[in-house]
Amino acid sequence: MSSAPPPVGGPRLELLRFLERVQLQDLQRTRDWIAAEEQHPVVEAARRPAPPSPEWLIEYGIGAGRPAARVHVGSCWDTRTRCKAATADLARRALSEGVEARPACRPDTALGVLE
C-alpha cells in the first residue's frame, strides 16, 4: 500500500481544463445571443418611421387644473413640453372659448377662426 499523493496533472486534469474552455465558449456565445436579443427592439424601433406630428396642439398652463393657455399649429417651432395633440374641432373650440392663438403660427387663421 502506497501513501504517495496522486500524480499532479494527468489525463483527467487535461480533460477538465478542456471542459472548462468549452463551457466558457458556450457561456460567451449565450451572452452574445442575449446582447443581440436586447438590441433587437432598438433596431426595430429605429426602422419604424416616426409618427406624424399632430396638426394642432394645445399648450396647457402650469399648476393645478392646468387650463389651456395657447393653441398652436402642429408644426409651430415654439411648442413646449406642456403641449398636447388636439383635433381641429378641439382647437376651434378652445379658440372660441378665448384661449390665445399663438401669434407666430396663427392657428386661428389656419382654422378659419379669426378673433
PDB file of N, CA and C in Angstrom:
ATOM      1  N   MET A   1       0.825  -1.158   0.000  1.00  0.00           N
ATOM      2  CA  MET A   1       0.000   0.000   0.000  1.00  0.00           C
ATOM      3  C   MET A   1       0.880   1.235   0.000  1.00  0.00           C
ATOM      4  N   SER A   2       0.635   2.071  -0.935  1.00  0.00           N
ATOM      5  CA  SER A   2       1.466   3.253  -1.080  1.00  0.00           C
ATOM      6  C   SER A   2       0.715   4.464  -0.555  1.00  0.00           C
ATOM      7  N   SER A   3       1.382   5.327   0.172  1.00  0.00           N
ATOM      8  CA  SER A   3       0.751   6.541   0.688  1.00  0.00           C
ATOM      9  C   SER A   3       1.183   7.761  -0.115  1.00  0.00           C
ATOM     10  N   ALA A   4       1.683   7.539  -1.290  1.00  0.00           N
ATOM     11  CA  ALA A   4       2.131   8.644  -2.136  1.00  0.00           C
ATOM     12  C   ALA A   4       0.911   9.414  -2.650  1.00  0.00           C
ATOM     13  N   PRO A   5       1.024  10.736  -2.756  1.00  0.00           N
ATOM     14  CA  PRO A   5      -0.101  11.530  -3.275  1.00  0.00           C
ATOM     15  C   PRO A   5      -0.337  11.213  -4.742  1.00  0.00           C
ATOM     16  N   PRO A   6      -1.545  11.444  -5.215  1.00  0.00           N
ATOM     17  CA  PRO A   6      -1.830  11.175  -6.625  1.00  0.00           C
ATOM     18  C   PRO A   6      -0.974  12.096  -7.493  1.00  0.00           C
ATOM     19  N   PRO A   7      -0.673  11.676  -8.699  1.00  0.00           N
ATOM     20  CA  PRO A   7       0.157  12.499  -9.574  1.00  0.00           C
ATOM     21  C   PRO A   7      -0.565  13.794  -9.960  1.00  0.00           C
ATOM     22  N   VAL A   8       0.192  14.882 -10.028  1.00  0.00           N
ATOM     23  CA  VAL A   8      -0.367  16.181 -10.419  1.00  0.00           C
ATOM     24  C   VAL A   8      -0.513  16.174 -11.930  1.00  0.00           C
ATOM     25  N   GLY A   9      -1.644  16.672 -12.389  1.00  0.00           N
ATOM     26  CA  GLY A   9      -1.860  16.719 -13.831  1.00  0.00           C
ATOM     27  C   GLY A   9      -2.464  15.426 -14.309  1.00  0.00           C
ATOM     28  N   GLY A  10      -2.017  14.992 -15.408  1.00  0.00           N
ATOM     29  CA  GLY A  10      -2.505  13.745 -15.962  1.00  0.00           C
ATOM     30  C   GLY A  10      -3.681  13.964 -16.882  1.00  0.00           C
ATOM     31  N   PRO A  11      -4.172  12.890 -17.465  1.00  0.00           N
ATOM     32  CA  PRO A  11      -5.240  12.988 -18.458  1.00  0.00           C
ATOM     33  C   PRO A  11      -6.549  13.531 -17.885  1.00  0.00           C
ATOM     34  N   ARG A  12      -6.863  13.221 -16.638  1.00  0.00           N
ATOM     35  CA  ARG A  12      -8.121  13.701 -16.045  1.00  0.00           C
ATOM     36  C   ARG A  12      -8.125  15.223 -15.930  1.00  0.00           C
ATOM     37  N   LEU A  13      -7.032  15.814 -15.478  1.00  0.00           N
ATOM     38  CA  LEU A  13      -6.934  17.269 -15.364  1.00  0.00           C
ATOM     39  C   LEU A  13      -7.002  17.929 -16.737  1.00  0.00           C
ATOM     40  N   GLU A  14      -6.368  17.328 -17.718  1.00  0.00           N
ATOM     41  CA  GLU A  14      -6.421  17.868 -19.084  1.00  0.00           C
ATOM     42  C   GLU A  14      -7.858  17.885 -19.603  1.00  0.00           C
ATOM     43  N   LEU A  15      -8.581  16.815 -19.348  1.00  0.00           N
ATOM     44  CA  LEU A  15      -9.988  16.762 -19.772  1.00  0.00           C
ATOM     45  C   LEU A  15     -10.819  17.824 -19.061  1.00  0.00           C
ATOM     46  N   LEU A  16     -10.578  18.022 -17.772  1.00  0.00           N
ATOM     47  CA  LEU A  16     -11.321  19.050 -17.031  1.00  0.00           C
ATOM     48  C   LEU A  16     -11.005  20.452 -17.560  1.00  0.00           C
ATOM     49  N   ARG A  17      -9.760  20.710 -17.908  1.00  0.00           N
ATOM     50  CA  ARG A  17      -9.383  22.008 -18.488  1.00  0.00           C
ATOM     51  C   ARG A  17     -10.062  22.198 -19.849  1.00  0.00           C
ATOM     52  N   PHE A  18     -10.110  21.120 -20.636  1.00  0.00           N
ATOM     53  CA  PHE A  18     -10.795  21.187 -21.927  1.00  0.00           C
ATOM     54  C   PHE A  18     -12.278  21.489 -21.729  1.00  0.00           C
ATOM     55  N   LEU A  19     -12.912  20.807 -20.787  1.00  0.00           N
ATOM     56  CA  LEU A  19     -14.321  21.039 -20.490  1.00  0.00           C
ATOM     57  C   LEU A  19     -14.551  22.483 -20.057  1.00  0.00           C
ATOM     58  N   GLU A  20     -13.655  23.002 -19.254  1.00  0.00           N
ATOM     59  CA  GLU A  20     -13.769  24.390 -18.802  1.00  0.00           C
ATOM     60  C   GLU A  20     -13.733  25.352 -19.993  1.00  0.00           C
ATOM     61  N   ARG A  21     -12.817  25.139 -20.935  1.00  0.00           N
ATOM     62  CA  ARG A  21     -12.729  26.011 -22.110  1.00  0.00           C
ATOM     63  C   ARG A  21     -14.010  25.945 -22.949  1.00  0.00           C
ATOM     64  N   VAL A  22     -14.533  24.747 -23.129  1.00  0.00           N
ATOM     65  CA  VAL A  22     -15.768  24.579 -23.903  1.00  0.00           C
ATOM     66  C   VAL A  22     -16.919  25.301 -23.220  1.00  0.00           C
ATOM     67  N   GLN A  23     -17.021  25.169 -21.905  1.00  0.00           N
ATOM     68  CA  GLN A  23     -18.109  25.825 -21.180  1.00  0.00           C
ATOM     69  C   GLN A  23     -17.976  27.347 -21.217  1.00  0.00           C
ATOM     70  N   LEU A  24     -16.766  27.861 -21.139  1.00  0.00           N
ATOM     71  CA  LEU A  24     -16.563  29.302 -21.238  1.00  0.00           C
ATOM     72  C   LEU A  24     -16.958  29.813 -22.620  1.00  0.00           C
ATOM     73  N   GLN A  25     -16.643  29.035 -23.663  1.00  0.00           N
ATOM     74  CA  GLN A  25     -17.043  29.427 -25.008  1.00  0.00           C
ATOM     75  C   GLN A  25     -18.567  29.416 -25.138  1.00  0.00           C
ATOM     76  N   ASP A  26     -19.212  28.397 -24.558  1.00  0.00           N
ATOM     77  CA  ASP A  26     -20.675  28.334 -24.582  1.00  0.00           C
ATOM     78  C   ASP A  26     -21.285  29.510 -23.819  1.00  0.00           C
ATOM     79  N   LEU A  27     -20.697  29.855 -22.693  1.00  0.00           N
ATOM     80  CA  LEU A  27     -21.187  30.981 -21.912  1.00  0.00           C
ATOM     81  C   LEU A  27     -21.064  32.276 -22.700  1.00  0.00           C
ATOM     82  N   GLN A  28     -19.936  32.471 -23.367  1.00  0.00           N
ATOM     83  CA  GLN A  28     -19.763  33.681 -24.168  1.00  0.00           C
ATOM     84  C   GLN A  28     -20.751  33.724 -25.324  1.00  0.00           C
ATOM     85  N   ARG A  29     -20.971  32.588 -25.965  1.00  0.00           N
ATOM     86  CA  ARG A  29     -21.947  32.526 -27.054  1.00  0.00           C
ATOM     87  C   ARG A  29     -23.336  32.885 -26.545  1.00  0.00           C
ATOM     88  N   THR A  30     -23.718  32.385 -25.378  1.00  0.00           N
ATOM     89  CA  THR A  30     -25.015  32.707 -24.785  1.00  0.00           C
ATOM     90  C   THR A  30     -25.097  34.195 -24.473  1.00  0.00           C
ATOM     91  N   ARG A  31     -24.047  34.762 -23.932  1.00  0.00           N
ATOM     92  CA  ARG A  31     -24.036  36.200 -23.645  1.00  0.00           C
ATOM     93  C   ARG A  31     -24.166  37.019 -24.920  1.00  0.00           C
ATOM     94  N   ASP A  32     -23.534  36.570 -25.995  1.00  0.00           N
ATOM     95  CA  ASP A  32     -23.658  37.258 -27.281  1.00  0.00           C
ATOM     96  C   ASP A  32     -25.098  37.194 -27.789  1.00  0.00           C
ATOM     97  N   TRP A  33     -25.751  36.049 -27.653  1.00  0.00           N
ATOM     98  CA  TRP A  33     -27.154  35.912 -28.059  1.00  0.00           C
ATOM     99  C   TRP A  33     -28.039  36.845 -27.240  1.00  0.00           C
ATOM    100  N   ILE A  34     -27.788  36.916 -25.948  1.00  0.00           N
ATOM    101  CA  ILE A  34     -28.576  37.802 -25.086  1.00  0.00           C
ATOM    102  C   ILE A  34     -28.399  39.251 -25.532  1.00  0.00           C
ATOM    103  N   ALA A  35     -27.161  39.652 -25.796  1.00  0.00           N
ATOM    104  CA  ALA A  35     -26.898  41.026 -26.237  1.00  0.00           C
ATOM    105  C   ALA A  35     -27.605  41.316 -27.560  1.00  0.00           C
ATOM    106  N   ALA A  36     -27.597  40.349 -28.463  1.00  0.00           N
ATOM    107  CA  ALA A  36     -28.272  40.531 -29.744  1.00  0.00           C
ATOM    108  C   ALA A  36     -29.783  40.675 -29.554  1.00  0.00           C
ATOM    109  N   GLU A  37     -30.365  39.884 -28.674  1.00  0.00           N
ATOM    110  CA  GLU A  37     -31.803  39.985 -28.405  1.00  0.00           C
ATOM    111  C   GLU A  37     -32.165  41.305 -27.750  1.00  0.00           C
ATOM    112  N   GLU A  38     -31.284  41.800 -26.893  1.00  0.00           N
ATOM    113  CA  GLU A  38     -31.544  43.089 -26.256  1.00  0.00           C
ATOM    114  C   GLU A  38     -31.482  44.231 -27.267  1.00  0.00           C
ATOM    115  N   GLN A  39     -30.692  44.084 -28.312  1.00  0.00           N
ATOM    116  CA  GLN A  39     -30.590  45.099 -29.346  1.00  0.00           C
ATOM    117  C   GLN A  39     -31.742  45.023 -30.351  1.00  0.00           C
ATOM    118  N   HIS A  40     -32.393  43.894 -30.435  1.00  0.00           N
ATOM    119  CA  HIS A  40     -33.455  43.695 -31.426  1.00  0.00           C
ATOM    120  C   HIS A  40     -34.552  44.760 -31.344  1.00  0.00           C
ATOM    121  N   PRO A  41     -35.135  45.061 -30.179  1.00  0.00           N
ATOM    122  CA  PRO A  41     -36.167  46.108 -30.135  1.00  0.00           C
ATOM    123  C   PRO A  41     -35.634  47.482 -30.526  1.00  0.00           C
ATOM    124  N   VAL A  42     -34.398  47.773 -30.205  1.00  0.00           N
ATOM    125  CA  VAL A  42     -33.804  49.063 -30.546  1.00  0.00           C
ATOM    126  C   VAL A  42     -33.688  49.198 -32.064  1.00  0.00           C
ATOM    127  N   VAL A  43     -33.228  48.137 -32.702  1.00  0.00           N
ATOM    128  CA  VAL A  43     -33.078  48.151 -34.159  1.00  0.00           C
ATOM    129  C   VAL A  43     -34.450  48.260 -34.818  1.00  0.00           C
ATOM    130  N   GLU A  44     -35.419  47.511 -34.328  1.00  0.00           N
ATOM    131  CA  GLU A  44     -36.765  47.569 -34.904  1.00  0.00           C
ATOM    132  C   GLU A  44     -37.390  48.949 -34.739  1.00  0.00           C
ATOM    133  N   ALA A  45     -37.185  49.559 -33.587  1.00  0.00           N
ATOM    134  CA  ALA A  45     -37.734  50.896 -33.354  1.00  0.00           C
ATOM    135  C   ALA A  45     -37.100  51.915 -34.300  1.00  0.00           C
ATOM    136  N   ALA A  46     -35.822  51.745 -34.587  1.00  0.00           N
ATOM    137  CA  ALA A  46     -35.138  52.663 -35.500  1.00  0.00           C
ATOM    138  C   ALA A  46     -35.642  52.501 -36.926  1.00  0.00           C
ATOM    139  N   ARG A  47     -36.102  51.318 -37.275  1.00  0.00           N
ATOM    140  CA  ARG A  47     -36.600  51.070 -38.634  1.00  0.00           C
ATOM    141  C   ARG A  47     -37.987  51.662 -38.853  1.00  0.00           C
ATOM    142  N   ARG A  48     -38.782  51.731 -37.775  1.00  0.00           N
ATOM    143  CA  ARG A  48     -40.146  52.243 -37.914  1.00  0.00           C
ATOM    144  C   ARG A  48     -40.114  53.748 -38.143  1.00  0.00           C
ATOM    145  N   PRO A  49     -40.951  54.239 -39.019  1.00  0.00           N
ATOM    146  CA  PRO A  49     -40.983  55.689 -39.227  1.00  0.00           C
ATOM    147  C   PRO A  49     -41.571  56.381 -37.998  1.00  0.00           C
ATOM    148  N   ALA A  50     -41.151  57.599 -37.790  1.00  0.00           N
ATOM    149  CA  ALA A  50     -41.675  58.372 -36.662  1.00  0.00           C
ATOM    150  C   ALA A  50     -43.152  58.659 -36.908  1.00  0.00           C
ATOM    151  N   PRO A  51     -43.946  58.695 -35.851  1.00  0.00           N
ATOM    152  CA  PRO A  51     -45.359  59.009 -36.052  1.00  0.00           C
ATOM    153  C   PRO A  51     -45.495  60.434 -36.593  1.00  0.00           C
ATOM    154  N   PRO A  52     -46.517  60.664 -37.375  1.00  0.00           N
ATOM    155  CA  PRO A  52     -46.685  62.007 -37.933  1.00  0.00           C
ATOM    156  C   PRO A  52     -46.949  63.013 -36.814  1.00  0.00           C
ATOM    157  N   SER A  53     -46.469  64.222 -37.010  1.00  0.00           N
ATOM    158  CA  SER A  53     -46.709  65.239 -35.991  1.00  0.00           C
ATOM    159  C   SER A  53     -48.185  65.647 -36.055  1.00  0.00           C
ATOM    160  N   PRO A  54     -48.750  66.025 -34.920  1.00  0.00           N
ATOM    161  CA  PRO A  54     -50.167  66.400 -34.920  1.00  0.00           C
ATOM    162  C   PRO A  54     -50.369  67.705 -35.692  1.00  0.00           C
ATOM    163  N   GLU A  55     -51.571  67.879 -36.199  1.00  0.00           N
ATOM    164  CA  GLU A  55     -51.866  69.105 -36.948  1.00  0.00           C
ATOM    165  C   GLU A  55     -52.069  70.286 -36.017  1.00  0.00           C
ATOM    166  N   TRP A  56     -52.554  70.020 -34.816  1.00  0.00           N
ATOM    167  CA  TRP A  56     -52.861  71.089 -33.869  1.00  0.00           C
ATOM    168  C   TRP A  56     -52.367  70.704 -32.481  1.00  0.00           C
ATOM    169  N   LEU A  57     -51.972  71.690 -31.709  1.00  0.00           N
ATOM    170  CA  LEU A  57     -51.507  71.469 -30.339  1.00  0.00           C
ATOM    171  C   LEU A  57     -52.182  72.476 -29.418  1.00  0.00           C
ATOM    172  N   ILE A  58     -52.456  72.022 -28.215  1.00  0.00           N
ATOM    173  CA  ILE A  58     -52.933  72.941 -27.188  1.00  0.00           C
ATOM    174  C   ILE A  58     -51.909  72.931 -26.075  1.00  0.00           C
ATOM    175  N   GLU A  59     -51.434  74.128 -25.743  1.00  0.00           N
ATOM    176  CA  GLU A  59     -50.460  74.288 -24.670  1.00  0.00           C
ATOM    177  C   GLU A  59     -51.224  74.563 -23.377  1.00  0.00           C
ATOM    178  N   TYR A  60     -50.876  73.828 -22.345  1.00  0.00           N
ATOM    179  CA  TYR A  60     -51.551  73.982 -21.062  1.00  0.00           C
ATOM    180  C   TYR A  60     -50.662  74.734 -20.093  1.00  0.00           C
ATOM    181  N   GLY A  61     -51.305  75.437 -19.157  1.00  0.00           N
ATOM    182  CA  GLY A  61     -50.582  76.216 -18.164  1.00  0.00           C
ATOM    183  C   GLY A  61     -49.933  75.341 -17.109  1.00  0.00           C
ATOM    184  N   ILE A  62     -49.365  76.017 -16.124  1.00  0.00           N
ATOM    185  CA  ILE A  62     -48.679  75.339 -15.033  1.00  0.00           C
ATOM    186  C   ILE A  62     -49.586  75.373 -13.810  1.00  0.00           C
ATOM    187  N   GLY A  63     -49.565  74.300 -13.040  1.00  0.00           N
ATOM    188  CA  GLY A  63     -50.282  74.304 -11.779  1.00  0.00           C
ATOM    189  C   GLY A  63     -51.520  73.433 -11.795  1.00  0.00           C
ATOM    190  N   ALA A  64     -52.240  73.504 -10.679  1.00  0.00           N
ATOM    191  CA  ALA A  64     -53.438  72.675 -10.503  1.00  0.00           C
ATOM    192  C   ALA A  64     -54.488  73.062 -11.525  1.00  0.00           C
ATOM    193  N   GLY A  65     -55.112  72.073 -12.088  1.00  0.00           N
ATOM    194  CA  GLY A  65     -56.164  72.308 -13.061  1.00  0.00           C
ATOM    195  C   GLY A  65     -55.636  72.534 -14.471  1.00  0.00           C
ATOM    196  N   ARG A  66     -54.450  73.053 -14.594  1.00  0.00           N
ATOM    197  CA  ARG A  66     -53.774  73.295 -15.860  1.00  0.00           C
ATOM    198  C   ARG A  66     -54.720  73.725 -16.978  1.00  0.00           C
ATOM    199  N   PRO A  67     -55.174  74.960 -16.957  1.00  0.00           N
ATOM    200  CA  PRO A  67     -56.061  75.419 -18.027  1.00  0.00           C
ATOM    201  C   PRO A  67     -55.305  75.565 -19.343  1.00  0.00           C
ATOM    202  N   ALA A  68     -56.060  75.510 -20.437  1.00  0.00           N
ATOM    203  CA  ALA A  68     -55.456  75.700 -21.754  1.00  0.00           C
ATOM    204  C   ALA A  68     -54.942  77.128 -21.842  1.00  0.00           C
ATOM    205  N   ALA A  69     -53.724  77.299 -22.364  1.00  0.00           N
ATOM    206  CA  ALA A  69     -53.112  78.620 -22.428  1.00  0.00           C
ATOM    207  C   ALA A  69     -53.021  79.144 -23.863  1.00  0.00           C
ATOM    208  N   ARG A  70     -52.600  78.291 -24.794  1.00  0.00           N
ATOM    209  CA  ARG A  70     -52.447  78.728 -26.184  1.00  0.00           C
ATOM    210  C   ARG A  70     -52.709  77.567 -27.131  1.00  0.00           C
ATOM    211  N   VAL A  71     -53.141  77.926 -28.327  1.00  0.00           N
ATOM    212  CA  VAL A  71     -53.336  76.944 -29.395  1.00  0.00           C
ATOM    213  C   VAL A  71     -52.219  77.165 -30.411  1.00  0.00           C
ATOM    214  N   HIS A  72     -51.633  76.079 -30.897  1.00  0.00           N
ATOM    215  CA  HIS A  72     -50.542  76.125 -31.865  1.00  0.00           C
ATOM    216  C   HIS A  72     -50.891  75.289 -33.088  1.00  0.00           C
ATOM    217  N   VAL A  73     -50.316  75.635 -34.224  1.00  0.00           N
ATOM    218  CA  VAL A  73     -50.304  74.748 -35.384  1.00  0.00           C
ATOM    219  C   VAL A  73     -49.293  73.657 -35.045  1.00  0.00           C
ATOM    220  N   GLY A  74     -49.532  72.437 -35.469  1.00  0.00           N
ATOM    221  CA  GLY A  74     -48.667  71.318 -35.109  1.00  0.00           C
ATOM    222  C   GLY A  74     -47.213  71.496 -35.491  1.00  0.00           C
ATOM    223  N   SER A  75     -46.921  72.260 -36.528  1.00  0.00           N
ATOM    224  CA  SER A  75     -45.541  72.464 -36.973  1.00  0.00           C
ATOM    225  C   SER A  75     -44.891  73.682 -36.334  1.00  0.00           C
ATOM    226  N   CYS A  76     -45.539  74.293 -35.361  1.00  0.00           N
ATOM    227  CA  CYS A  76     -45.005  75.502 -34.721  1.00  0.00           C
ATOM    228  C   CYS A  76     -43.662  75.208 -34.052  1.00  0.00           C
ATOM    229  N   TRP A  77     -42.719  76.126 -34.197  1.00  0.00           N
ATOM    230  CA  TRP A  77     -41.383  75.954 -33.623  1.00  0.00           C
ATOM    231  C   TRP A  77     -41.373  76.261 -32.126  1.00  0.00           C
ATOM    232  N   ASP A  78     -42.399  76.941 -31.633  1.00  0.00           N
ATOM    233  CA  ASP A  78     -42.393  77.398 -30.243  1.00  0.00           C
ATOM    234  C   ASP A  78     -43.289  76.554 -29.352  1.00  0.00           C
ATOM    235  N   THR A  79     -43.280  75.259 -29.551  1.00  0.00           N
ATOM    236  CA  THR A  79     -44.077  74.400 -28.671  1.00  0.00           C
ATOM    237  C   THR A  79     -43.230  73.994 -27.484  1.00  0.00           C
ATOM    238  N   ARG A  80     -43.899  73.674 -26.419  1.00  0.00           N
ATOM    239  CA  ARG A  80     -43.194  73.314 -25.194  1.00  0.00           C
ATOM    240  C   ARG A  80     -43.646  71.932 -24.747  1.00  0.00           C
ATOM    241  N   THR A  81     -43.105  71.486 -23.635  1.00  0.00           N
ATOM    242  CA  THR A  81     -43.452  70.149 -23.143  1.00  0.00           C
ATOM    243  C   THR A  81     -44.879  70.100 -22.606  1.00  0.00           C
ATOM    244  N   ARG A  82     -45.502  71.234 -22.420  1.00  0.00           N
ATOM    245  CA  ARG A  82     -46.863  71.239 -21.882  1.00  0.00           C
ATOM    246  C   ARG A  82     -47.915  71.182 -22.988  1.00  0.00           C
ATOM    247  N   CYS A  83     -47.512  70.900 -24.222  1.00  0.00           N
ATOM    248  CA  CYS A  83     -48.445  70.817 -25.351  1.00  0.00           C
ATOM    249  C   CYS A  83     -48.956  69.393 -25.523  1.00  0.00           C
ATOM    250  N   LYS A  84     -50.217  69.310 -25.903  1.00  0.00           N
ATOM    251  CA  LYS A  84     -50.815  68.016 -26.218  1.00  0.00           C
ATOM    252  C   LYS A  84     -51.496  68.108 -27.577  1.00  0.00           C
ATOM    253  N   ALA A  85     -51.489  66.996 -28.307  1.00  0.00           N
ATOM    254  CA  ALA A  85     -52.125  66.953 -29.619  1.00  0.00           C
ATOM    255  C   ALA A  85     -53.616  67.212 -29.485  1.00  0.00           C
ATOM    256  N   ALA A  86     -54.168  67.868 -30.500  1.00  0.00           N
ATOM    257  CA  ALA A  86     -55.601  68.179 -30.487  1.00  0.00           C
ATOM    258  C   ALA A  86     -56.162  68.006 -31.896  1.00  0.00           C
ATOM    259  N   THR A  87     -57.436  67.734 -31.955  1.00  0.00           N
ATOM    260  CA  THR A  87     -58.122  67.684 -33.245  1.00  0.00           C
ATOM    261  C   THR A  87     -58.442  69.112 -33.670  1.00  0.00           C
ATOM    262  N   ALA A  88     -58.810  69.279 -34.926  1.00  0.00           N
ATOM    263  CA  ALA A  88     -59.181  70.604 -35.421  1.00  0.00           C
ATOM    264  C   ALA A  88     -60.405  71.130 -34.664  1.00  0.00           C
ATOM    265  N   ASP A  89     -61.367  70.259 -34.383  1.00  0.00           N
ATOM    266  CA  ASP A  89     -62.563  70.694 -33.650  1.00  0.00           C
ATOM    267  C   ASP A  89     -62.213  71.160 -32.240  1.00  0.00           C
ATOM    268  N   LEU A  90     -61.342  70.432 -31.568  1.00  0.00           N
ATOM    269  CA  LEU A  90     -60.938  70.817 -30.218  1.00  0.00           C
ATOM    270  C   LEU A  90     -60.171  72.141 -30.238  1.00  0.00           C
ATOM    271  N   ALA A  91     -59.316  72.330 -31.230  1.00  0.00           N
ATOM    272  CA  ALA A  91     -58.572  73.586 -31.352  1.00  0.00           C
ATOM    273  C   ALA A  91     -59.522  74.742 -31.631  1.00  0.00           C
ATOM    274  N   ARG A  92     -60.506  74.550 -32.516  1.00  0.00           N
ATOM    275  CA  ARG A  92     -61.510  75.592 -32.793  1.00  0.00           C
ATOM    276  C   ARG A  92     -62.302  75.943 -31.536  1.00  0.00           C
ATOM    277  N   ARG A  93     -62.704  74.910 -30.801  1.00  0.00           N
ATOM    278  CA  ARG A  93     -63.470  75.131 -29.581  1.00  0.00           C
ATOM    279  C   ARG A  93     -62.652  75.933 -28.572  1.00  0.00           C
ATOM    280  N   ALA A  94     -61.377  75.575 -28.428  1.00  0.00           N
ATOM    281  CA  ALA A  94     -60.521  76.300 -27.488  1.00  0.00           C
ATOM    282  C   ALA A  94     -60.387  77.760 -27.901  1.00  0.00           C
ATOM    283  N   LEU A  95     -60.203  78.016 -29.175  1.00  0.00           N
ATOM    284  CA  LEU A  95     -60.103  79.395 -29.655  1.00  0.00           C
ATOM    285  C   LEU A  95     -61.407  80.155 -29.418  1.00  0.00           C
ATOM    286  N   SER A  96     -62.541  79.501 -29.655  1.00  0.00           N
ATOM    287  CA  SER A  96     -63.830  80.175 -29.449  1.00  0.00           C
ATOM    288  C   SER A  96     -64.116  80.438 -27.975  1.00  0.00           C
ATOM    289  N   GLU A  97     -63.469  79.684 -27.089  1.00  0.00           N
ATOM    290  CA  GLU A  97     -63.645  79.893 -25.647  1.00  0.00           C
ATOM    291  C   GLU A  97     -62.634  80.881 -25.089  1.00  0.00           C
ATOM    292  N   GLY A  98     -61.844  81.509 -25.974  1.00  0.00           N
ATOM    293  CA  GLY A  98     -60.943  82.559 -25.530  1.00  0.00           C
ATOM    294  C   GLY A  98     -59.510  82.159 -25.286  1.00  0.00           C
ATOM    295  N   VAL A  99     -59.158  80.927 -25.622  1.00  0.00           N
ATOM    296  CA  VAL A  99     -57.762  80.520 -25.482  1.00  0.00           C
ATOM    297  C   VAL A  99     -56.965  81.248 -26.565  1.00  0.00           C
ATOM    298  N   GLU A 100     -55.796  81.777 -26.201  1.00  0.00           N
ATOM    299  CA  GLU A 100     -54.972  82.572 -27.107  1.00  0.00           C
ATOM    300  C   GLU A 100     -54.440  81.740 -28.264  1.00  0.00           C
ATOM    301  N   ALA A 101     -54.456  82.331 -29.443  1.00  0.00           N
ATOM    302  CA  ALA A 101     -53.822  81.724 -30.612  1.00  0.00           C
ATOM    303  C   ALA A 101     -52.372  82.179 -30.634  1.00  0.00           C
ATOM    304  N   ARG A 102     -51.443  81.288 -30.835  1.00  0.00           N
ATOM    305  CA  ARG A 102     -50.017  81.640 -30.849  1.00  0.00           C
ATOM    306  C   ARG A 102     -49.775  82.573 -32.029  1.00  0.00           C
ATOM    307  N   PRO A 103     -49.307  83.800 -31.785  1.00  0.00           N
ATOM    308  CA  PRO A 103     -49.111  84.761 -32.876  1.00  0.00           C
ATOM    309  C   PRO A 103     -48.111  84.312 -33.937  1.00  0.00           C
ATOM    310  N   ALA A 104     -47.124  83.517 -33.567  1.00  0.00           N
ATOM    311  CA  ALA A 104     -46.103  83.112 -34.536  1.00  0.00           C
ATOM    312  C   ALA A 104     -46.641  82.133 -35.569  1.00  0.00           C
ATOM    313  N   CYS A 105     -47.536  81.258 -35.176  1.00  0.00           N
ATOM    314  CA  CYS A 105     -48.001  80.226 -36.116  1.00  0.00           C
ATOM    315  C   CYS A 105     -49.438  80.443 -36.581  1.00  0.00           C
ATOM    316  N   ARG A 106     -50.167  81.328 -35.960  1.00  0.00           N
ATOM    317  CA  ARG A 106     -51.526  81.723 -36.351  1.00  0.00           C
ATOM    318  C   ARG A 106     -52.486  80.550 -36.617  1.00  0.00           C
ATOM    319  N   PRO A 107     -52.764  79.743 -35.603  1.00  0.00           N
ATOM    320  CA  PRO A 107     -53.712  78.649 -35.816  1.00  0.00           C
ATOM    321  C   PRO A 107     -55.129  79.142 -36.088  1.00  0.00           C
ATOM    322  N   ASP A 108     -55.461  80.342 -35.589  1.00  0.00           N
ATOM    323  CA  ASP A 108     -56.806  80.876 -35.849  1.00  0.00           C
ATOM    324  C   ASP A 108     -57.022  81.131 -37.334  1.00  0.00           C
ATOM    325  N   THR A 109     -55.999  81.607 -38.029  1.00  0.00           N
ATOM    326  CA  THR A 109     -56.095  81.825 -39.465  1.00  0.00           C
ATOM    327  C   THR A 109     -56.173  80.490 -40.204  1.00  0.00           C
ATOM    328  N   ALA A 110     -55.327  79.546 -39.810  1.00  0.00           N
ATOM    329  CA  ALA A 110     -55.308  78.239 -40.465  1.00  0.00           C
ATOM    330  C   ALA A 110     -56.622  77.489 -40.265  1.00  0.00           C
ATOM    331  N   LEU A 111     -57.272  77.706 -39.111  1.00  0.00           N
ATOM    332  CA  LEU A 111     -58.543  77.015 -38.834  1.00  0.00           C
ATOM    333  C   LEU A 111     -59.755  77.808 -39.343  1.00  0.00           C
ATOM    334  N   GLY A 112     -59.506  79.008 -39.821  1.00  0.00           N
ATOM    335  CA  GLY A 112     -60.605  79.829 -40.302  1.00  0.00           C
ATOM    336  C   GLY A 112     -61.401  80.472 -39.184  1.00  0.00           C
ATOM    337  N   VAL A 113     -60.797  80.611 -38.010  1.00  0.00           N
ATOM    338  CA  VAL A 113     -61.460  81.227 -36.855  1.00  0.00           C
ATOM    339  C   VAL A 113     -60.656  82.477 -36.512  1.00  0.00           C
ATOM    340  N   LEU A 114     -61.143  83.619 -36.879  1.00  0.00           N
ATOM    341  CA  LEU A 114     -60.438  84.873 -36.566  1.00  0.00           C
ATOM    342  C   LEU A 114     -61.137  85.542 -35.395  1.00  0.00           C
ATOM    343  N   GLU A 115     -60.326  86.055 -34.487  1.00  0.00           N
ATOM    344  CA  GLU A 115     -60.886  86.716 -33.287  1.00  0.00           C
ATOM    345  C   GLU A 115     -61.377  88.087 -33.626  1.00  0.00           C
TER     346      GLU A 115
END
